[in-house]
Amino acid sequence: MADALSTSSTASPPSAAYRRVLDALRELNPDDHQIARRMKDTRVPELDNRTLEEAVLAGDAEKALRYLDAIATGWDG
């Protein structure tokens, strides 16, 4: 469901970093609505209480990916 993941109807395509974080989220949960909610609404203490989207847009995609990798390998956050 691409609509759940788009930022607006006139927005440019997501950056490569944004897509990498989306792909990492998809590996954890393939539900697009859950991915959108996690990306845009869930504040992450390990990312300075920012959402994944805020972290990526601020240039911290690698930090976001490390966080998601830790979750994927069993860390419970």
PDB file of N, CA and C in Angstrom:
ATOM      1  N   MET A   1       0.826  -1.173   0.000  1.00  0.00           N
ATOM      2  CA  MET A   1       0.000   0.000   0.000  1.00  0.00           C
ATOM      3  C   MET A   1       0.874   1.242   0.000  1.00  0.00           C
ATOM      4  N   ALA A   2       1.210   1.697  -1.150  1.00  0.00           N
ATOM      5  CA  ALA A   2       2.098   2.842  -1.277  1.00  0.00           C
ATOM      6  C   ALA A   2       1.535   4.088  -0.618  1.00  0.00           C
ATOM      7  N   ASP A   3       0.208   4.259  -0.593  1.00  0.00           N
ATOM      8  CA  ASP A   3      -0.376   5.449   0.015  1.00  0.00           C
ATOM      9  C   ASP A   3       0.012   5.598   1.471  1.00  0.00           C
ATOM     10  N   ALA A   4       0.123   4.515   2.182  1.00  0.00           N
ATOM     11  CA  ALA A   4       0.461   4.574   3.603  1.00  0.00           C
ATOM     12  C   ALA A   4       1.879   5.073   3.821  1.00  0.00           C
ATOM     13  N   LEU A   5       2.727   4.950   2.830  1.00  0.00           N
ATOM     14  CA  LEU A   5       4.126   5.304   3.000  1.00  0.00           C
ATOM     15  C   LEU A   5       4.522   6.611   2.331  1.00  0.00           C
ATOM     16  N   SER A   6       3.651   7.173   1.517  1.00  0.00           N
ATOM     17  CA  SER A   6       4.019   8.420   0.855  1.00  0.00           C
ATOM     18  C   SER A   6       3.865   9.590   1.810  1.00  0.00           C
ATOM     19  N   THR A   7       4.716  10.582   1.639  1.00  0.00           N
ATOM     20  CA  THR A   7       4.660  11.737   2.523  1.00  0.00           C
ATOM     21  C   THR A   7       3.662  12.764   2.029  1.00  0.00           C
ATOM     22  N   SER A   8       3.463  12.879   0.742  1.00  0.00           N
ATOM     23  CA  SER A   8       2.409  13.707   0.173  1.00  0.00           C
ATOM     24  C   SER A   8       2.305  13.381  -1.301  1.00  0.00           C
ATOM     25  N   SER A   9       1.204  13.813  -1.907  1.00  0.00           N
ATOM     26  CA  SER A   9       1.001  13.472  -3.309  1.00  0.00           C
ATOM     27  C   SER A   9       1.973  14.209  -4.223  1.00  0.00           C
ATOM     28  N   THR A  10       2.566  15.316  -3.755  1.00  0.00           N
ATOM     29  CA  THR A  10       3.501  16.072  -4.577  1.00  0.00           C
ATOM     30  C   THR A  10       4.951  15.901  -4.130  1.00  0.00           C
ATOM     31  N   ALA A  11       5.188  15.057  -3.172  1.00  0.00           N
ATOM     32  CA  ALA A  11       6.542  14.871  -2.645  1.00  0.00           C
ATOM     33  C   ALA A  11       7.414  14.168  -3.675  1.00  0.00           C
ATOM     34  N   SER A  12       8.699  14.474  -3.621  1.00  0.00           N
ATOM     35  CA  SER A  12       9.640  13.782  -4.489  1.00  0.00           C
ATOM     36  C   SER A  12       9.837  12.365  -3.967  1.00  0.00           C
ATOM     37  N   PRO A  13      10.361  11.480  -4.806  1.00  0.00           N
ATOM     38  CA  PRO A  13      10.587  10.102  -4.346  1.00  0.00           C
ATOM     39  C   PRO A  13      11.519  10.083  -3.141  1.00  0.00           C
ATOM     40  N   PRO A  14      11.341   9.093  -2.275  1.00  0.00           N
ATOM     41  CA  PRO A  14      12.211   9.001  -1.091  1.00  0.00           C
ATOM     42  C   PRO A  14      13.674   8.836  -1.487  1.00  0.00           C
ATOM     43  N   SER A  15      14.543   9.356  -0.662  1.00  0.00           N
ATOM     44  CA  SER A  15      15.977   9.221  -0.900  1.00  0.00           C
ATOM     45  C   SER A  15      16.394   7.760  -0.739  1.00  0.00           C
ATOM     46  N   ALA A  16      17.596   7.467  -1.174  1.00  0.00           N
ATOM     47  CA  ALA A  16      18.126   6.109  -1.026  1.00  0.00           C
ATOM     48  C   ALA A  16      18.193   5.724   0.445  1.00  0.00           C
ATOM     49  N   ALA A  17      18.580   6.660   1.304  1.00  0.00           N
ATOM     50  CA  ALA A  17      18.662   6.366   2.739  1.00  0.00           C
ATOM     51  C   ALA A  17      17.280   6.057   3.301  1.00  0.00           C
ATOM     52  N   TYR A  18      16.289   6.829   2.895  1.00  0.00           N
ATOM     53  CA  TYR A  18      14.913   6.612   3.355  1.00  0.00           C
ATOM     54  C   TYR A  18      14.446   5.224   2.930  1.00  0.00           C
ATOM     55  N   ARG A  19      14.729   4.870   1.679  1.00  0.00           N
ATOM     56  CA  ARG A  19      14.338   3.539   1.176  1.00  0.00           C
ATOM     57  C   ARG A  19      15.039   2.414   1.939  1.00  0.00           C
ATOM     58  N   ARG A  20      16.294   2.615   2.290  1.00  0.00           N
ATOM     59  CA  ARG A  20      17.016   1.584   3.050  1.00  0.00           C
ATOM     60  C   ARG A  20      16.357   1.363   4.407  1.00  0.00           C
ATOM     61  N   VAL A  21      15.943   2.435   5.048  1.00  0.00           N
ATOM     62  CA  VAL A  21      15.272   2.297   6.344  1.00  0.00           C
ATOM     63  C   VAL A  21      13.910   1.630   6.153  1.00  0.00           C
ATOM     64  N   LEU A  22      13.166   2.009   5.119  1.00  0.00           N
ATOM     65  CA  LEU A  22      11.890   1.343   4.834  1.00  0.00           C
ATOM     66  C   LEU A  22      12.100  -0.146   4.584  1.00  0.00           C
ATOM     67  N   ASP A  23      13.122  -0.491   3.819  1.00  0.00           N
ATOM     68  CA  ASP A  23      13.410  -1.903   3.546  1.00  0.00           C
ATOM     69  C   ASP A  23      13.741  -2.656   4.831  1.00  0.00           C
ATOM     70  N   ALA A  24      14.499  -2.026   5.716  1.00  0.00           N
ATOM     71  CA  ALA A  24      14.827  -2.661   6.998  1.00  0.00           C
ATOM     72  C   ALA A  24      13.564  -2.870   7.828  1.00  0.00           C
ATOM     73  N   LEU A  25      12.658  -1.906   7.806  1.00  0.00           N
ATOM     74  CA  LEU A  25      11.387  -2.066   8.523  1.00  0.00           C
ATOM     75  C   LEU A  25      10.559  -3.189   7.914  1.00  0.00           C
ATOM     76  N   ARG A  26      10.568  -3.294   6.580  1.00  0.00           N
ATOM     77  CA  ARG A  26       9.808  -4.356   5.906  1.00  0.00           C
ATOM     78  C   ARG A  26      10.308  -5.742   6.301  1.00  0.00           C
ATOM     79  N   GLU A  27      11.594  -5.850   6.563  1.00  0.00           N
ATOM     80  CA  GLU A  27      12.134  -7.138   7.001  1.00  0.00           C
ATOM     81  C   GLU A  27      11.601  -7.514   8.379  1.00  0.00           C
ATOM     82  N   LEU A  28      11.307  -6.507   9.202  1.00  0.00           N
ATOM     83  CA  LEU A  28      10.761  -6.767  10.534  1.00  0.00           C
ATOM     84  C   LEU A  28       9.264  -7.022  10.495  1.00  0.00           C
ATOM     85  N   ASN A  29       8.552  -6.338   9.583  1.00  0.00           N
ATOM     86  CA  ASN A  29       7.101  -6.451   9.500  1.00  0.00           C
ATOM     87  C   ASN A  29       6.669  -5.993   8.112  1.00  0.00           C
ATOM     88  N   PRO A  30       6.102  -6.881   7.303  1.00  0.00           N
ATOM     89  CA  PRO A  30       5.753  -6.520   5.934  1.00  0.00           C
ATOM     90  C   PRO A  30       4.474  -5.686   5.789  1.00  0.00           C
ATOM     91  N   ASP A  31       3.788  -5.379   6.869  1.00  0.00           N
ATOM     92  CA  ASP A  31       2.539  -4.615   6.807  1.00  0.00           C
ATOM     93  C   ASP A  31       2.840  -3.124   6.594  1.00  0.00           C
ATOM     94  N   ASP A  32       2.430  -2.586   5.444  1.00  0.00           N
ATOM     95  CA  ASP A  32       2.748  -1.197   5.106  1.00  0.00           C
ATOM     96  C   ASP A  32       2.177  -0.187   6.092  1.00  0.00           C
ATOM     97  N   HIS A  33       0.994  -0.459   6.633  1.00  0.00           N
ATOM     98  CA  HIS A  33       0.417   0.470   7.613  1.00  0.00           C
ATOM     99  C   HIS A  33       1.246   0.492   8.893  1.00  0.00           C
ATOM    100  N   GLN A  34       1.712  -0.660   9.329  1.00  0.00           N
ATOM    101  CA  GLN A  34       2.572  -0.718  10.513  1.00  0.00           C
ATOM    102  C   GLN A  34       3.913  -0.032  10.245  1.00  0.00           C
ATOM    103  N   ILE A  35       4.437  -0.220   9.047  1.00  0.00           N
ATOM    104  CA  ILE A  35       5.697   0.429   8.683  1.00  0.00           C
ATOM    105  C   ILE A  35       5.533   1.946   8.715  1.00  0.00           C
ATOM    106  N   ALA A  36       4.456   2.439   8.114  1.00  0.00           N
ATOM    107  CA  ALA A  36       4.221   3.887   8.087  1.00  0.00           C
ATOM    108  C   ALA A  36       4.095   4.439   9.495  1.00  0.00           C
ATOM    109  N   ARG A  37       3.361   3.733  10.336  1.00  0.00           N
ATOM    110  CA  ARG A  37       3.189   4.198  11.713  1.00  0.00           C
ATOM    111  C   ARG A  37       4.519   4.194  12.458  1.00  0.00           C
ATOM    112  N   ARG A  38       5.289   3.143  12.270  1.00  0.00           N
ATOM    113  CA  ARG A  38       6.588   3.055  12.947  1.00  0.00           C
ATOM    114  C   ARG A  38       7.543   4.126  12.436  1.00  0.00           C
ATOM    115  N   MET A  39       7.502   4.391  11.145  1.00  0.00           N
ATOM    116  CA  MET A  39       8.399   5.363  10.525  1.00  0.00           C
ATOM    117  C   MET A  39       8.060   6.793  10.939  1.00  0.00           C
ATOM    118  N   LYS A  40       6.769   7.107  10.983  1.00  0.00           N
ATOM    119  CA  LYS A  40       6.346   8.495  11.153  1.00  0.00           C
ATOM    120  C   LYS A  40       5.867   8.858  12.548  1.00  0.00           C
ATOM    121  N   ASP A  41       5.419   7.893  13.334  1.00  0.00           N
ATOM    122  CA  ASP A  41       4.767   8.218  14.606  1.00  0.00           C
ATOM    123  C   ASP A  41       5.482   7.727  15.854  1.00  0.00           C
ATOM    124  N   THR A  42       6.292   6.688  15.727  1.00  0.00           N
ATOM    125  CA  THR A  42       6.910   6.088  16.905  1.00  0.00           C
ATOM    126  C   THR A  42       8.211   6.800  17.254  1.00  0.00           C
ATOM    127  N   ARG A  43       8.244   7.407  18.423  1.00  0.00           N
ATOM    128  CA  ARG A  43       9.455   8.086  18.903  1.00  0.00           C
ATOM    129  C   ARG A  43      10.397   7.032  19.488  1.00  0.00           C
ATOM    130  N   VAL A  44      11.670   7.150  19.161  1.00  0.00           N
ATOM    131  CA  VAL A  44      12.668   6.161  19.556  1.00  0.00           C
ATOM    132  C   VAL A  44      13.697   6.830  20.472  1.00  0.00           C
ATOM    133  N   PRO A  45      13.751   6.421  21.740  1.00  0.00           N
ATOM    134  CA  PRO A  45      14.715   7.029  22.664  1.00  0.00           C
ATOM    135  C   PRO A  45      16.160   6.957  22.155  1.00  0.00           C
ATOM    136  N   GLU A  46      16.516   5.862  21.503  1.00  0.00           N
ATOM    137  CA  GLU A  46      17.882   5.682  20.997  1.00  0.00           C
ATOM    138  C   GLU A  46      18.205   6.623  19.835  1.00  0.00           C
ATOM    139  N   LEU A  47      17.195   7.268  19.289  1.00  0.00           N
ATOM    140  CA  LEU A  47      17.383   8.243  18.210  1.00  0.00           C
ATOM    141  C   LEU A  47      17.071   9.652  18.721  1.00  0.00           C
ATOM    142  N   ASP A  48      17.411   9.890  19.972  1.00  0.00           N
ATOM    143  CA  ASP A  48      17.168  11.194  20.603  1.00  0.00           C
ATOM    144  C   ASP A  48      15.688  11.554  20.609  1.00  0.00           C
ATOM    145  N   ASN A  49      14.861  10.537  20.829  1.00  0.00           N
ATOM    146  CA  ASN A  49      13.406  10.678  20.914  1.00  0.00           C
ATOM    147  C   ASN A  49      12.786  11.210  19.617  1.00  0.00           C
ATOM    148  N   ARG A  50      13.446  10.909  18.502  1.00  0.00           N
ATOM    149  CA  ARG A  50      12.904  11.263  17.191  1.00  0.00           C
ATOM    150  C   ARG A  50      12.248  10.033  16.586  1.00  0.00           C
ATOM    151  N   THR A  51      11.413  10.266  15.574  1.00  0.00           N
ATOM    152  CA  THR A  51      10.893   9.150  14.795  1.00  0.00           C
ATOM    153  C   THR A  51      11.984   8.697  13.830  1.00  0.00           C
ATOM    154  N   LEU A  52      11.801   7.525  13.259  1.00  0.00           N
ATOM    155  CA  LEU A  52      12.754   7.060  12.247  1.00  0.00           C
ATOM    156  C   LEU A  52      12.808   8.049  11.085  1.00  0.00           C
ATOM    157  N   GLU A  53      11.655   8.540  10.682  1.00  0.00           N
ATOM    158  CA  GLU A  53      11.615   9.496   9.578  1.00  0.00           C
ATOM    159  C   GLU A  53      12.395  10.766   9.921  1.00  0.00           C
ATOM    160  N   GLU A  54      12.196  11.300  11.109  1.00  0.00           N
ATOM    161  CA  GLU A  54      12.926  12.500  11.519  1.00  0.00           C
ATOM    162  C   GLU A  54      14.434  12.251  11.531  1.00  0.00           C
ATOM    163  N   ALA A  55      14.828  11.088  12.005  1.00  0.00           N
ATOM    164  CA  ALA A  55      16.256  10.760  12.044  1.00  0.00           C
ATOM    165  C   ALA A  55      16.840  10.689  10.636  1.00  0.00           C
ATOM    166  N   VAL A  56      16.134  10.026   9.732  1.00  0.00           N
ATOM    167  CA  VAL A  56      16.623   9.904   8.354  1.00  0.00           C
ATOM    168  C   VAL A  56      16.706  11.277   7.694  1.00  0.00           C
ATOM    169  N   LEU A  57      15.671  12.080   7.849  1.00  0.00           N
ATOM    170  CA  LEU A  57      15.659  13.403   7.222  1.00  0.00           C
ATOM    171  C   LEU A  57      16.729  14.322   7.802  1.00  0.00           C
ATOM    172  N   ALA A  58      17.152  14.049   9.037  1.00  0.00           N
ATOM    173  CA  ALA A  58      18.216  14.835   9.672  1.00  0.00           C
ATOM    174  C   ALA A  58      19.610  14.311   9.322  1.00  0.00           C
ATOM    175  N   GLY A  59      19.672  13.256   8.503  1.00  0.00           N
ATOM    176  CA  GLY A  59      20.967  12.722   8.096  1.00  0.00           C
ATOM    177  C   GLY A  59      21.480  11.581   8.956  1.00  0.00           C
ATOM    178  N   ASP A  60      20.635  11.044   9.816  1.00  0.00           N
ATOM    179  CA  ASP A  60      21.042   9.957  10.709  1.00  0.00           C
ATOM    180  C   ASP A  60      20.494   8.596  10.277  1.00  0.00           C
ATOM    181  N   ALA A  61      20.468   8.347   8.979  1.00  0.00           N
ATOM    182  CA  ALA A  61      19.955   7.070   8.484  1.00  0.00           C
ATOM    183  C   ALA A  61      20.773   5.900   9.009  1.00  0.00           C
ATOM    184  N   GLU A  62      22.084   6.050   9.078  1.00  0.00           N
ATOM    185  CA  GLU A  62      22.927   4.948   9.561  1.00  0.00           C
ATOM    186  C   GLU A  62      22.603   4.612  11.013  1.00  0.00           C
ATOM    187  N   LYS A  63      22.365   5.613  11.816  1.00  0.00           N
ATOM    188  CA  LYS A  63      21.989   5.388  13.215  1.00  0.00           C
ATOM    189  C   LYS A  63      20.638   4.673  13.282  1.00  0.00           C
ATOM    190  N   ALA A  64      19.696   5.080  12.430  1.00  0.00           N
ATOM    191  CA  ALA A  64      18.387   4.429  12.377  1.00  0.00           C
ATOM    192  C   ALA A  64      18.533   2.972  11.945  1.00  0.00           C
ATOM    193  N   LEU A  65      19.391   2.728  10.966  1.00  0.00           N
ATOM    194  CA  LEU A  65      19.611   1.355  10.501  1.00  0.00           C
ATOM    195  C   LEU A  65      20.271   0.493  11.572  1.00  0.00           C
ATOM    196  N   ARG A  66      21.206   1.051  12.319  1.00  0.00           N
ATOM    197  CA  ARG A  66      21.823   0.292  13.424  1.00  0.00           C
ATOM    198  C   ARG A  66      20.776  -0.062  14.475  1.00  0.00           C
ATOM    199  N   TYR A  67      19.884   0.870  14.774  1.00  0.00           N
ATOM    200  CA  TYR A  67      18.799   0.613  15.726  1.00  0.00           C
ATOM    201  C   TYR A  67      17.916  -0.537  15.221  1.00  0.00           C
ATOM    202  N   LEU A  68      17.509  -0.481  13.956  1.00  0.00           N
ATOM    203  CA  LEU A  68      16.656  -1.538  13.403  1.00  0.00           C
ATOM    204  C   LEU A  68      17.387  -2.872  13.344  1.00  0.00           C
ATOM    205  N   ASP A  69      18.678  -2.848  13.052  1.00  0.00           N
ATOM    206  CA  ASP A  69      19.472  -4.073  13.042  1.00  0.00           C
ATOM    207  C   ASP A  69      19.521  -4.684  14.440  1.00  0.00           C
ATOM    208  N   ALA A  70      19.664  -3.850  15.449  1.00  0.00           N
ATOM    209  CA  ALA A  70      19.685  -4.351  16.829  1.00  0.00           C
ATOM    210  C   ALA A  70      18.363  -5.022  17.175  1.00  0.00           C
ATOM    211  N   ILE A  71      17.259  -4.429  16.754  1.00  0.00           N
ATOM    212  CA  ILE A  71      15.947  -5.034  17.005  1.00  0.00           C
ATOM    213  C   ILE A  71      15.829  -6.359  16.255  1.00  0.00           C
ATOM    214  N   ALA A  72      16.273  -6.382  15.009  1.00  0.00           N
ATOM    215  CA  ALA A  72      16.180  -7.598  14.196  1.00  0.00           C
ATOM    216  C   ALA A  72      16.987  -8.743  14.784  1.00  0.00           C
ATOM    217  N   THR A  73      18.054  -8.419  15.508  1.00  0.00           N
ATOM    218  CA  THR A  73      18.894  -9.469  16.084  1.00  0.00           C
ATOM    219  C   THR A  73      18.512  -9.823  17.515  1.00  0.00           C
ATOM    220  N   GLY A  74      17.388  -9.271  17.971  1.00  0.00           N
ATOM    221  CA  GLY A  74      16.874  -9.708  19.260  1.00  0.00           C
ATOM    222  C   GLY A  74      16.904  -8.713  20.388  1.00  0.00           C
ATOM    223  N   TRP A  75      17.525  -7.561  20.199  1.00  0.00           N
ATOM    224  CA  TRP A  75      17.525  -6.541  21.251  1.00  0.00           C
ATOM    225  C   TRP A  75      16.111  -6.023  21.395  1.00  0.00           C
ATOM    226  N   ASP A  76      15.630  -5.847  22.617  1.00  0.00           N
ATOM    227  CA  ASP A  76      14.226  -5.489  22.813  1.00  0.00           C
ATOM    228  C   ASP A  76      13.979  -4.003  23.016  1.00  0.00           C
ATOM    229  N   GLY A  77      14.977  -3.160  22.807  1.00  0.00           N
ATOM    230  CA  GLY A  77      14.817  -1.711  22.866  1.00  0.00           C
ATOM    231  C   GLY A  77      14.393  -1.247  24.189  1.00  0.00           C
TER     232      GLY A  77
END
